[in-house]
Each structure stands twice: as C-alpha cells, then as structure tokens.
C-alpha cells in the first residue's frame, strides 16, 4: 500500500505562481488534451506551461486556486476552481490573459483553442462548483493529495447545496473520481477533439475522505 503524502492546503500566492504552474505542467504534460495541442514532445512542456500559466492567473483572479504544500512549503499539487455562477469567466480578462499566452503556445496550438468551445457547450447549466484543473506532482500521485484538495472544497459545495462538476480527457480518471463520489454525466467523442468525459458530484454525496 502506498504511503499517504503529508501536505497543508494554502491559498494561491502570486509569488509562487511559477512553482504552481511547473507542478501542474509536469502533471499534465502527457494528458491526451495537451498531446493533441502539441504532438511534438519537444515543444509540449513549454506550451503546456504557457497555457496552464494563463489558466492559473485567470482562475486566481476570477475563482479560487488551492495549493497543497509539503513540510518545506514547496507546492506539490493544486486545484483550480470556478465558484457557482462564475463560469464562464468574464470575457475581457479572459481575452487579456489568453492574448499574452497564445504567442508562447505556438501558432499551431493557438489556432486550435476555438475548438475547446465544444467543452464549454457540454458544461453543466445549473449552479455548481467547477473543478477547472486538479494536478499532483507526478512522483507524489496516488498518495492522497488530489483527494485532500478536493475534500477542502466539498464542504463549501455541500453548504451551498450545489454539485461539483468537472471534465477530463484522461480515460484513467473517471474511476478515480467515481471513488470520490462523482457520477458519470456524459462521454463525448467529437472528431475535432480527443474524447472527454463530464462528471458530477451531487451535493451531499459520500465524503471522499482524506486518503487514497
């Protein structure tokens, strides 16, 4: 049995931005969505860092970013959240941030961004907490850090009486989220995008606990 990792949940601080982005980029560099954006392995990590860097900045301004830090205070995992009724994020700040990100993504990847509108069209319409991104340092995965970050927001969602919604492009993820109280909502196979899954955790679903 893998030993659980010890961490503390803290709020995002802009001074630690690059550290948080680096953790998430390493966690997602082989995700099917980002492999689709950047088939070239040599360019992918730089592109993923640029894209996720924009996501972190936008979510820190318009939503909430929770960061798990180890005993040394180093970031080891992070979760990006949109609050009920606050997604899609406002257009102007989204455009301002993404316009700075796109040149660093590379033209071939940036021109694919409009196809992600298909993901937004699948989005849950009722009020909900939206888990934009949840990522753990690869060497510390399957040690309870993702569950810890999710648990930190479950009480808020339950108190609001709203579900938690997410989508994932990784086929390995739905079983993981089912174990945390999520239910399958829709599997979408669009020819322009990799297949993705949408999932919902109803308010009051069994508590995910603190270990995995």
Protein backbone atom coordinates (compact mmCIF):
# COMPACT_ATOMS: atom_id res chain seq x y z
CA UNK A 1 0.00 0.00 0.00
CA UNK A 2 1.37 3.42 -0.96
CA UNK A 3 2.06 5.72 1.98
CA UNK A 4 -0.09 8.86 2.06
CA UNK A 5 1.70 12.14 1.48
CA UNK A 6 1.51 14.88 4.12
CA UNK A 7 0.56 18.35 2.94
CA UNK A 8 -1.16 21.54 4.00
CA UNK A 9 -3.74 23.35 1.86
CA UNK A 10 -2.96 27.03 1.31
CA UNK A 11 -4.38 29.79 -0.84
CA UNK A 12 -2.61 30.79 -4.05
CA UNK A 13 0.04 33.49 -3.74
CA UNK A 14 1.23 35.21 -6.90
CA UNK A 15 4.82 35.00 -5.66
CA UNK A 16 4.60 31.22 -6.02
CA UNK A 17 2.97 31.35 -9.46
CA UNK A 18 5.82 29.74 -11.42
CA UNK A 19 6.15 26.93 -8.90
CA UNK A 20 2.44 26.08 -9.08
CA UNK A 21 2.47 26.22 -12.87
CA UNK A 22 5.52 23.94 -13.03
CA UNK A 23 3.80 21.32 -10.85
CA UNK A 24 0.64 21.37 -12.96
CA UNK A 25 2.60 21.30 -16.23
CA UNK A 26 4.52 18.21 -15.14
CA UNK A 27 1.26 16.60 -14.04
CA UNK A 28 -0.46 17.23 -17.38
CA UNK A 29 2.31 17.08 -19.97
CA UNK A 30 1.16 13.65 -21.17
CA UNK A 31 -2.59 14.33 -20.87
CA UNK A 32 -4.44 13.50 -24.12
CA UNK A 33 -5.68 17.08 -24.47
CA UNK A 34 -2.18 18.50 -24.37
CA UNK A 35 -0.78 15.77 -26.60
CA UNK A 36 -3.45 16.88 -29.09
CA UNK A 37 -2.42 20.52 -28.73
CA UNK A 38 1.30 19.70 -29.05
CA UNK A 39 2.02 16.38 -30.78
CA UNK A 40 5.70 17.36 -30.80
CA UNK A 41 7.10 16.19 -27.46
CA UNK A 42 9.97 18.69 -27.57
CA UNK A 43 7.57 21.64 -27.70
CA UNK A 44 4.86 20.31 -25.43
CA UNK A 45 6.15 21.17 -21.95
CA UNK A 46 6.76 24.80 -22.91
CA UNK A 47 3.30 25.03 -24.47
CA UNK A 48 1.60 23.36 -21.51
CA UNK A 49 3.34 25.72 -19.10
CA UNK A 50 2.14 28.72 -21.11
CA UNK A 51 -1.46 27.50 -21.31
CA UNK A 52 -1.70 26.43 -17.67
CA UNK A 53 0.03 29.62 -16.59
CA UNK A 54 -2.83 31.55 -18.17
CA UNK A 55 -5.40 29.28 -16.51
CA UNK A 56 -3.82 29.81 -13.10
CA UNK A 57 -3.68 33.60 -13.47
CA UNK A 58 -7.28 33.81 -14.69
CA UNK A 59 -8.65 31.45 -12.04
CA UNK A 60 -6.76 33.23 -9.25
CA UNK A 61 -8.50 36.47 -10.31
CA UNK A 62 -11.97 35.12 -11.10
CA UNK A 63 -12.22 31.97 -8.98
CA UNK A 64 -10.11 30.18 -6.43
CA UNK A 65 -6.76 28.37 -6.51
CA UNK A 66 -5.91 25.95 -3.69
CA UNK A 67 -2.31 24.80 -3.34
CA UNK A 68 -1.03 21.79 -1.40
CA UNK A 69 2.42 22.43 0.07
CA UNK A 70 4.78 19.96 1.74
CA UNK A 71 6.63 20.39 5.05
CA UNK A 72 9.21 22.60 3.30
CA UNK A 73 6.49 24.87 1.93
CA UNK A 74 7.01 23.66 -1.65
CA UNK A 75 3.97 23.28 -3.90
CA UNK A 76 3.17 19.62 -4.62
CA UNK A 77 -0.38 19.86 -6.02
CA UNK A 78 -3.01 22.44 -6.93
CA UNK A 79 -6.71 22.74 -7.72
CA UNK A 80 -8.30 25.50 -9.79
CA UNK A 81 -11.95 26.29 -9.07
CA UNK A 82 -14.73 28.42 -10.54
CA UNK A 83 -17.38 29.38 -7.99
CA UNK A 84 -21.13 28.86 -8.53
CA UNK A 85 -22.49 31.19 -11.18
CA UNK A 86 -19.00 32.46 -12.08
CA UNK A 87 -18.23 30.39 -15.15
CA UNK A 88 -17.59 31.09 -17.99
CA UNK A 89 -15.16 33.66 -16.66
CA UNK A 90 -15.74 37.26 -17.86
CA UNK A 91 -14.72 37.76 -21.47
CA UNK A 92 -12.43 40.80 -21.11
CA UNK A 93 -9.98 39.41 -18.52
CA UNK A 94 -10.04 36.06 -20.32
CA UNK A 95 -9.04 37.73 -23.59
CA UNK A 96 -6.40 39.88 -21.92
CA UNK A 97 -4.68 36.91 -20.29
CA UNK A 98 -5.00 34.49 -23.21
CA UNK A 99 -3.73 37.08 -25.69
CA UNK A 100 -0.46 37.09 -23.74
CA UNK A 101 -0.41 33.30 -23.55
CA UNK A 102 -1.11 32.46 -27.19
CA UNK A 103 2.24 33.61 -28.68
CA UNK A 104 4.06 31.30 -26.25
CA UNK A 105 1.79 28.38 -27.12
CA UNK A 106 2.85 28.38 -30.76
CA UNK A 107 0.61 29.10 -33.74
CA UNK A 108 -0.43 25.52 -34.49
CA UNK A 109 -1.66 25.04 -30.91
CA UNK A 110 -3.20 28.51 -30.50
CA UNK A 111 -5.33 28.08 -33.64
CA UNK A 112 -6.95 25.03 -32.01
CA UNK A 113 -8.22 26.98 -28.99
CA UNK A 114 -11.64 27.78 -30.54
CA UNK A 115 -12.38 24.04 -30.75
CA UNK A 116 -12.49 23.96 -26.95
CA UNK A 117 -15.87 25.68 -27.20
CA UNK A 118 -17.24 22.16 -27.57
CA UNK A 119 -16.13 21.53 -23.98
CA UNK A 120 -17.97 24.62 -22.75
CA UNK A 121 -21.13 23.58 -24.61
CA UNK A 122 -21.13 20.35 -22.59
CA UNK A 123 -20.89 22.30 -19.33
CA UNK A 124 -23.43 21.80 -16.56
CA UNK A 125 -26.00 24.61 -16.67
CA UNK A 126 -27.26 24.65 -13.07
CA UNK A 127 -25.22 26.45 -10.37
CA UNK A 128 -22.17 24.41 -9.36
CA UNK A 129 -18.57 24.46 -8.25
CA UNK A 130 -16.42 23.78 -11.30
CA UNK A 131 -13.14 21.92 -10.88
CA UNK A 132 -11.19 23.53 -13.71
CA UNK A 133 -7.95 21.63 -13.07
CA UNK A 134 -6.60 19.29 -10.41
CA UNK A 135 -2.98 18.19 -10.69
CA UNK A 136 -0.39 16.49 -8.47
CA UNK A 137 3.39 16.32 -8.81
CA UNK A 138 3.94 13.07 -10.77
CA UNK A 139 6.22 11.49 -8.17
CA UNK A 140 3.57 12.04 -5.47
CA UNK A 141 0.48 10.85 -7.33
CA UNK A 142 -1.75 8.18 -5.75
CA UNK A 143 -0.76 9.33 -2.29
CA UNK A 144 -3.94 11.20 -1.36
CA UNK A 145 -3.04 14.75 -2.39
CA UNK A 146 -5.77 15.05 -5.02
CA UNK A 147 -8.32 13.75 -2.55
CA UNK A 148 -7.05 16.23 0.04
CA UNK A 149 -7.53 19.16 -2.33
CA UNK A 150 -10.99 18.01 -3.33
CA UNK A 151 -12.05 17.48 0.27
CA UNK A 152 -11.09 21.08 1.03
CA UNK A 153 -13.95 22.29 -1.21
CA UNK A 154 -16.56 19.56 -0.67
CA UNK A 155 -17.97 21.16 2.47
CA UNK A 156 -18.39 24.50 0.68
CA UNK A 157 -20.26 22.88 -2.20
CA UNK A 158 -22.46 20.91 0.19
CA UNK A 159 -23.18 24.03 2.23
CA UNK A 160 -24.15 25.82 -0.99
CA UNK A 161 -26.37 22.85 -1.89
CA UNK A 162 -24.78 22.62 -5.34
CA UNK A 163 -22.91 19.89 -7.23
CA UNK A 164 -19.25 19.82 -8.22
CA UNK A 165 -18.66 19.49 -11.95
CA UNK A 166 -15.58 18.51 -13.94
CA UNK A 167 -14.48 17.22 -17.31
CA UNK A 168 -11.45 15.07 -18.08
CA UNK A 169 -9.69 13.96 -21.25
CA UNK A 170 -7.78 11.20 -19.47
CA UNK A 171 -9.57 7.82 -19.66
CA UNK A 172 -7.81 6.75 -16.46
CA UNK A 173 -9.52 9.49 -14.44
CA UNK A 174 -13.25 8.58 -14.33
CA UNK A 175 -12.70 5.56 -12.00
CA UNK A 176 -10.63 7.79 -9.70
CA UNK A 177 -13.38 10.41 -9.50
CA UNK A 178 -16.11 7.81 -9.08
CA UNK A 179 -14.29 6.69 -5.93
CA UNK A 180 -14.58 10.30 -4.71
CA UNK A 181 -18.36 10.43 -5.09
CA UNK A 182 -18.65 11.64 -8.69
CA UNK A 183 -21.16 10.22 -11.14
CA UNK A 184 -20.83 9.87 -14.90
CA UNK A 185 -22.73 12.51 -16.82
CA UNK A 186 -21.70 12.34 -20.49
CA UNK A 187 -18.98 10.80 -22.65
CA UNK A 188 -18.26 12.95 -25.70
CA UNK A 189 -16.35 11.83 -28.77
CA UNK A 190 -16.01 14.82 -31.09
CA UNK A 191 -13.95 14.27 -34.22
CA UNK A 192 -12.08 17.55 -33.71
CA UNK A 193 -11.07 16.85 -30.10
CA UNK A 194 -9.85 13.87 -28.10
CA UNK A 195 -12.73 12.08 -26.32
CA UNK A 196 -13.65 13.56 -22.95
CA UNK A 197 -15.89 12.74 -20.03
CA UNK A 198 -18.05 15.01 -17.87
CA UNK A 199 -18.79 14.07 -14.26
CA UNK A 200 -20.85 15.48 -11.38
CA UNK A 201 -20.65 15.02 -7.62
CA UNK A 202 -24.16 15.63 -6.22
CA UNK A 203 -24.42 17.77 -3.07
CA UNK A 204 -24.29 15.57 0.00
CA UNK A 205 -22.65 12.62 -1.79
CA UNK A 206 -20.49 10.47 0.42
CA UNK A 207 -17.45 12.29 1.70
CA UNK A 208 -14.27 11.47 -0.20
CA UNK A 209 -12.20 11.21 2.99
CA UNK A 210 -8.55 12.12 3.33
CA UNK A 211 -6.57 9.17 1.98
CA UNK A 212 -6.45 7.05 -1.09
